[in-house]
Amino acid sequence: MNEGLIPKRYAKALFEFASEKGDAQRLYALMKNIDAAFASASGIQKALANPYIAPADKKQLLSTAAAAGNDTVFADFLSLLEHNRRLDMARPIALAYMDIFRKANGIKVVKVQSAAPLDAASEAKLKDLIAAHIGGNSMEYTSSVNPDLIGGFTVQTGNERLDASVANELKQLRLNLISK
């Protein structure tokens, strides 16, 4: 089966259920926690895929990764995944849920990379420019440092990418010189 379709269906059903309960925002935070846990610890996916680990232990692992505490909606969701033998799809479901939530709430994901850490004034100015570009949407802004850029920065939002780095300028110059 298409693993892309299954997580989207679970995520859509969870989003609709959580929205009815008024818990969509809280579940969004839990899904972000799950994604961060998977990103920082590669062993989580291996544990979920391991048939020798009890489903109850897998549910406990996911609950701990999400920092869910005694969240009943999340616990019911994990029970559904356990019943349908889909606990190993927790991360794709979390990613699909985050996409659905962002679309429903007009949230754009903005990733900025710079060659060196940006000072507060420059970062504020960049945030203002990005906010003006994306219009009335709110944004989840993350920034990181990538010394390979040599100088400048890159901005990624959705399918758009602005590359104002020295590395890109050098690459373009090299391509121009090769083509002549």
C-alpha atoms as a PDB file:
ATOM      1  CA  MET A   1       0.000   0.000   0.000  1.00  0.00           C
ATOM      2  CA  ASN A   2       0.974   3.609  -0.440  1.00  0.00           C
ATOM      3  CA  GLU A   3       2.587   4.700   2.816  1.00  0.00           C
ATOM      4  CA  GLY A   4       1.939   8.327   1.894  1.00  0.00           C
ATOM      5  CA  LEU A   5      -1.806   7.868   1.702  1.00  0.00           C
ATOM      6  CA  ILE A   6      -2.260   5.958   4.951  1.00  0.00           C
ATOM      7  CA  PRO A   7      -0.578   8.558   7.199  1.00  0.00           C
ATOM      8  CA  LYS A   8      -2.565  11.335   5.526  1.00  0.00           C
ATOM      9  CA  ARG A   9      -5.845   9.542   6.219  1.00  0.00           C
ATOM     10  CA  TYR A  10      -4.995   8.984   9.878  1.00  0.00           C
ATOM     11  CA  ALA A  11      -3.780  12.571  10.219  1.00  0.00           C
ATOM     12  CA  LYS A  12      -6.911  13.980   8.606  1.00  0.00           C
ATOM     13  CA  ALA A  13      -9.179  11.922  10.858  1.00  0.00           C
ATOM     14  CA  LEU A  14      -7.159  12.920  13.927  1.00  0.00           C
ATOM     15  CA  PHE A  15      -7.255  16.595  12.936  1.00  0.00           C
ATOM     16  CA  GLU A  16     -11.031  16.523  12.461  1.00  0.00           C
ATOM     17  CA  PHE A  17     -11.533  14.723  15.768  1.00  0.00           C
ATOM     18  CA  ALA A  18      -9.157  17.049  17.630  1.00  0.00           C
ATOM     19  CA  SER A  19     -10.818  20.106  16.077  1.00  0.00           C
ATOM     20  CA  GLU A  20     -14.226  18.920  17.289  1.00  0.00           C
ATOM     21  CA  LYS A  21     -12.788  18.507  20.789  1.00  0.00           C
ATOM     22  CA  GLY A  22     -10.978  21.867  20.613  1.00  0.00           C
ATOM     23  CA  ASP A  23      -7.603  20.133  20.998  1.00  0.00           C
ATOM     24  CA  ALA A  24      -6.094  20.637  17.526  1.00  0.00           C
ATOM     25  CA  GLN A  25      -3.528  23.186  18.733  1.00  0.00           C
ATOM     26  CA  ARG A  26      -2.418  21.000  21.647  1.00  0.00           C
ATOM     27  CA  LEU A  27      -2.117  17.942  19.413  1.00  0.00           C
ATOM     28  CA  TYR A  28      -0.106  20.015  16.957  1.00  0.00           C
ATOM     29  CA  ALA A  29       2.409  20.685  19.725  1.00  0.00           C
ATOM     30  CA  LEU A  30       2.519  16.962  20.553  1.00  0.00           C
ATOM     31  CA  MET A  31       3.116  16.082  16.893  1.00  0.00           C
ATOM     32  CA  LYS A  32       5.967  18.604  16.747  1.00  0.00           C
ATOM     33  CA  ASN A  33       7.445  16.904  19.823  1.00  0.00           C
ATOM     34  CA  ILE A  34       7.205  13.512  18.108  1.00  0.00           C
ATOM     35  CA  ASP A  35       8.932  14.832  14.992  1.00  0.00           C
ATOM     36  CA  ALA A  36      11.706  16.403  17.080  1.00  0.00           C
ATOM     37  CA  ALA A  37      12.180  13.153  19.016  1.00  0.00           C
ATOM     38  CA  PHE A  38      12.462  11.132  15.808  1.00  0.00           C
ATOM     39  CA  ALA A  39      14.906  13.670  14.369  1.00  0.00           C
ATOM     40  CA  SER A  40      17.154  13.554  17.416  1.00  0.00           C
ATOM     41  CA  ALA A  41      17.016   9.789  18.112  1.00  0.00           C
ATOM     42  CA  SER A  42      17.143   7.485  15.104  1.00  0.00           C
ATOM     43  CA  GLY A  43      16.536   4.432  17.295  1.00  0.00           C
ATOM     44  CA  ILE A  44      12.880   5.311  17.856  1.00  0.00           C
ATOM     45  CA  GLN A  45      11.824   4.154  14.390  1.00  0.00           C
ATOM     46  CA  LYS A  46      13.799   0.933  14.814  1.00  0.00           C
ATOM     47  CA  ALA A  47      12.067   0.272  18.132  1.00  0.00           C
ATOM     48  CA  LEU A  48       8.621   0.858  16.612  1.00  0.00           C
ATOM     49  CA  ALA A  49       9.372  -1.499  13.730  1.00  0.00           C
ATOM     50  CA  ASN A  50      10.745  -4.224  16.023  1.00  0.00           C
ATOM     51  CA  PRO A  51       8.151  -7.028  16.331  1.00  0.00           C
ATOM     52  CA  TYR A  52       9.703  -8.238  19.599  1.00  0.00           C
ATOM     53  CA  ILE A  53       8.864  -5.050  21.462  1.00  0.00           C
ATOM     54  CA  ALA A  54       5.417  -5.136  23.018  1.00  0.00           C
ATOM     55  CA  PRO A  55       2.847  -2.682  21.622  1.00  0.00           C
ATOM     56  CA  ALA A  56       2.300  -1.278  25.122  1.00  0.00           C
ATOM     57  CA  ASP A  57       5.994  -0.389  25.291  1.00  0.00           C
ATOM     58  CA  LYS A  58       5.805   1.227  21.862  1.00  0.00           C
ATOM     59  CA  LYS A  59       2.818   3.305  22.991  1.00  0.00           C
ATOM     60  CA  GLN A  60       4.725   4.352  26.098  1.00  0.00           C
ATOM     61  CA  LEU A  61       7.720   5.319  23.934  1.00  0.00           C
ATOM     62  CA  LEU A  62       5.541   7.488  21.686  1.00  0.00           C
ATOM     63  CA  SER A  63       3.736   9.035  24.638  1.00  0.00           C
ATOM     64  CA  THR A  64       7.061   9.917  26.240  1.00  0.00           C
ATOM     65  CA  ALA A  65       8.459  11.262  22.953  1.00  0.00           C
ATOM     66  CA  ALA A  66       5.413  13.493  22.542  1.00  0.00           C
ATOM     67  CA  ALA A  67       5.498  14.596  26.193  1.00  0.00           C
ATOM     68  CA  ALA A  68       1.786  13.794  26.190  1.00  0.00           C
ATOM     69  CA  GLY A  69       1.355  13.121  29.896  1.00  0.00           C
ATOM     70  CA  ASN A  70      -2.240  12.006  30.492  1.00  0.00           C
ATOM     71  CA  ASP A  71      -3.647  13.407  27.247  1.00  0.00           C
ATOM     72  CA  THR A  72      -6.724  11.272  26.552  1.00  0.00           C
ATOM     73  CA  VAL A  73      -7.109  12.223  22.877  1.00  0.00           C
ATOM     74  CA  PHE A  74      -3.493  11.279  22.179  1.00  0.00           C
ATOM     75  CA  ALA A  75      -3.817   8.069  24.217  1.00  0.00           C
ATOM     76  CA  ASP A  76      -6.931   7.112  22.249  1.00  0.00           C
ATOM     77  CA  PHE A  77      -5.084   7.846  19.030  1.00  0.00           C
ATOM     78  CA  LEU A  78      -2.189   5.583  20.069  1.00  0.00           C
ATOM     79  CA  SER A  79      -4.672   2.855  20.987  1.00  0.00           C
ATOM     80  CA  LEU A  80      -6.197   3.116  17.514  1.00  0.00           C
ATOM     81  CA  LEU A  81      -2.749   2.840  15.948  1.00  0.00           C
ATOM     82  CA  GLU A  82      -2.001  -0.177  18.123  1.00  0.00           C
ATOM     83  CA  HIS A  83      -5.293  -1.857  17.222  1.00  0.00           C
ATOM     84  CA  ASN A  84      -4.629  -1.315  13.490  1.00  0.00           C
ATOM     85  CA  ARG A  85      -0.935  -2.247  13.816  1.00  0.00           C
ATOM     86  CA  ARG A  86       0.223   1.161  12.610  1.00  0.00           C
ATOM     87  CA  LEU A  87       2.398   2.320  15.523  1.00  0.00           C
ATOM     88  CA  ASP A  88       5.418   2.264  13.210  1.00  0.00           C
ATOM     89  CA  MET A  89       3.753   5.005  11.111  1.00  0.00           C
ATOM     90  CA  ALA A  90       3.705   7.494  13.969  1.00  0.00           C
ATOM     91  CA  ARG A  91       6.216   9.894  12.427  1.00  0.00           C
ATOM     92  CA  PRO A  92       4.644  10.048   8.942  1.00  0.00           C
ATOM     93  CA  ILE A  93       1.266  10.584  10.604  1.00  0.00           C
ATOM     94  CA  ALA A  94       2.726  13.344  12.785  1.00  0.00           C
ATOM     95  CA  LEU A  95       4.242  15.056   9.734  1.00  0.00           C
ATOM     96  CA  ALA A  96       0.960  14.788   7.822  1.00  0.00           C
ATOM     97  CA  TYR A  97      -0.950  16.173  10.832  1.00  0.00           C
ATOM     98  CA  MET A  98       1.408  19.139  11.027  1.00  0.00           C
ATOM     99  CA  ASP A  99       0.900  19.851   7.319  1.00  0.00           C
ATOM    100  CA  ILE A 100      -2.879  19.699   7.676  1.00  0.00           C
ATOM    101  CA  PHE A 101      -2.831  21.938  10.752  1.00  0.00           C
ATOM    102  CA  ARG A 102      -0.566  24.485   9.064  1.00  0.00           C
ATOM    103  CA  LYS A 103      -2.751  24.648   5.961  1.00  0.00           C
ATOM    104  CA  ALA A 104      -5.901  25.013   8.049  1.00  0.00           C
ATOM    105  CA  ASN A 105      -4.374  27.830  10.095  1.00  0.00           C
ATOM    106  CA  GLY A 106      -2.391  29.634   7.367  1.00  0.00           C
ATOM    107  CA  ILE A 107       1.022  28.919   8.867  1.00  0.00           C
ATOM    108  CA  LYS A 108       4.085  29.026   6.613  1.00  0.00           C
ATOM    109  CA  VAL A 109       7.315  27.240   7.544  1.00  0.00           C
ATOM    110  CA  VAL A 110      10.314  29.511   6.991  1.00  0.00           C
ATOM    111  CA  LYS A 111      13.870  28.195   7.218  1.00  0.00           C
ATOM    112  CA  VAL A 112      16.767  30.636   7.108  1.00  0.00           C
ATOM    113  CA  GLN A 113      20.397  29.617   6.821  1.00  0.00           C
ATOM    114  CA  SER A 114      23.179  32.130   7.175  1.00  0.00           C
ATOM    115  CA  ALA A 115      26.938  31.867   6.945  1.00  0.00           C
ATOM    116  CA  ALA A 116      27.311  33.404  10.410  1.00  0.00           C
ATOM    117  CA  PRO A 117      24.854  34.058  13.218  1.00  0.00           C
ATOM    118  CA  LEU A 118      22.603  37.024  12.425  1.00  0.00           C
ATOM    119  CA  ASP A 119      22.503  39.896  14.876  1.00  0.00           C
ATOM    120  CA  ALA A 120      19.107  40.734  16.367  1.00  0.00           C
ATOM    121  CA  ALA A 121      18.519  43.795  14.161  1.00  0.00           C
ATOM    122  CA  SER A 122      19.316  41.954  10.925  1.00  0.00           C
ATOM    123  CA  GLU A 123      17.172  38.994  11.923  1.00  0.00           C
ATOM    124  CA  ALA A 124      14.255  41.268  12.812  1.00  0.00           C
ATOM    125  CA  LYS A 125      14.547  43.058   9.472  1.00  0.00           C
ATOM    126  CA  LEU A 126      14.679  39.720   7.624  1.00  0.00           C
ATOM    127  CA  LYS A 127      11.606  38.475   9.524  1.00  0.00           C
ATOM    128  CA  ASP A 128       9.723  41.642   8.572  1.00  0.00           C
ATOM    129  CA  LEU A 129      10.626  41.208   4.896  1.00  0.00           C
ATOM    130  CA  ILE A 130       9.531  37.570   4.947  1.00  0.00           C
ATOM    131  CA  ALA A 131       6.287  38.453   6.747  1.00  0.00           C
ATOM    132  CA  ALA A 132       5.526  41.051   4.069  1.00  0.00           C
ATOM    133  CA  HIS A 133       6.243  38.500   1.347  1.00  0.00           C
ATOM    134  CA  ILE A 134       3.979  35.769   2.734  1.00  0.00           C
ATOM    135  CA  GLY A 135       1.112  38.185   3.295  1.00  0.00           C
ATOM    136  CA  GLY A 136      -1.399  37.564   6.044  1.00  0.00           C
ATOM    137  CA  ASN A 137      -0.032  34.137   6.933  1.00  0.00           C
ATOM    138  CA  SER A 138       1.757  33.542  10.196  1.00  0.00           C
ATOM    139  CA  MET A 139       5.090  31.769  10.120  1.00  0.00           C
ATOM    140  CA  GLU A 140       7.166  29.244  11.985  1.00  0.00           C
ATOM    141  CA  TYR A 141      10.636  30.712  11.691  1.00  0.00           C
ATOM    142  CA  THR A 142      13.792  28.680  12.209  1.00  0.00           C
ATOM    143  CA  SER A 143      17.318  29.786  11.565  1.00  0.00           C
ATOM    144  CA  SER A 144      20.590  27.934  11.421  1.00  0.00           C
ATOM    145  CA  VAL A 145      24.212  28.614  10.591  1.00  0.00           C
ATOM    146  CA  ASN A 146      25.866  26.999   7.562  1.00  0.00           C
ATOM    147  CA  PRO A 147      29.492  28.103   7.093  1.00  0.00           C
ATOM    148  CA  ASP A 148      29.515  26.512   3.608  1.00  0.00           C
ATOM    149  CA  LEU A 149      27.519  29.526   2.379  1.00  0.00           C
ATOM    150  CA  ILE A 150      30.713  31.608   2.836  1.00  0.00           C
ATOM    151  CA  GLY A 151      28.597  34.765   3.242  1.00  0.00           C
ATOM    152  CA  GLY A 152      24.973  35.835   2.921  1.00  0.00           C
ATOM    153  CA  PHE A 153      21.917  33.682   3.574  1.00  0.00           C
ATOM    154  CA  THR A 154      19.217  31.451   2.086  1.00  0.00           C
ATOM    155  CA  VAL A 155      15.493  31.576   2.808  1.00  0.00           C
ATOM    156  CA  GLN A 156      13.226  28.577   2.171  1.00  0.00           C
ATOM    157  CA  THR A 157       9.458  28.858   2.485  1.00  0.00           C
ATOM    158  CA  GLY A 158       7.284  26.212   0.914  1.00  0.00           C
ATOM    159  CA  ASN A 159       8.427  25.750  -2.683  1.00  0.00           C
ATOM    160  CA  GLU A 160      10.174  29.117  -2.810  1.00  0.00           C
ATOM    161  CA  ARG A 161      13.874  29.553  -2.185  1.00  0.00           C
ATOM    162  CA  LEU A 162      15.908  32.741  -2.114  1.00  0.00           C
ATOM    163  CA  ASP A 163      19.648  32.163  -2.291  1.00  0.00           C
ATOM    164  CA  ALA A 164      21.598  35.314  -1.474  1.00  0.00           C
ATOM    165  CA  SER A 165      24.791  33.510  -0.535  1.00  0.00           C
ATOM    166  CA  VAL A 166      28.341  34.062  -1.700  1.00  0.00           C
ATOM    167  CA  ALA A 167      28.612  30.341  -2.476  1.00  0.00           C
ATOM    168  CA  ASN A 168      25.705  30.677  -4.931  1.00  0.00           C
ATOM    169  CA  GLU A 169      27.266  33.756  -6.530  1.00  0.00           C
ATOM    170  CA  LEU A 170      30.535  31.884  -7.002  1.00  0.00           C
ATOM    171  CA  LYS A 171      28.676  28.922  -8.484  1.00  0.00           C
ATOM    172  CA  GLN A 172      26.857  31.198 -10.945  1.00  0.00           C
ATOM    173  CA  LEU A 173      30.119  32.913 -11.885  1.00  0.00           C
ATOM    174  CA  ARG A 174      31.776  29.537 -12.466  1.00  0.00           C
ATOM    175  CA  LEU A 175      28.882  28.374 -14.661  1.00  0.00           C
ATOM    176  CA  ASN A 176      29.064  31.595 -16.692  1.00  0.00           C
ATOM    177  CA  LEU A 177      32.787  31.201 -17.223  1.00  0.00           C
ATOM    178  CA  ILE A 178      32.423  27.544 -18.261  1.00  0.00           C
ATOM    179  CA  SER A 179      29.637  28.300 -20.743  1.00  0.00           C
ATOM    180  CA  LYS A 180      31.703  30.966 -22.576  1.00  0.00           C
END
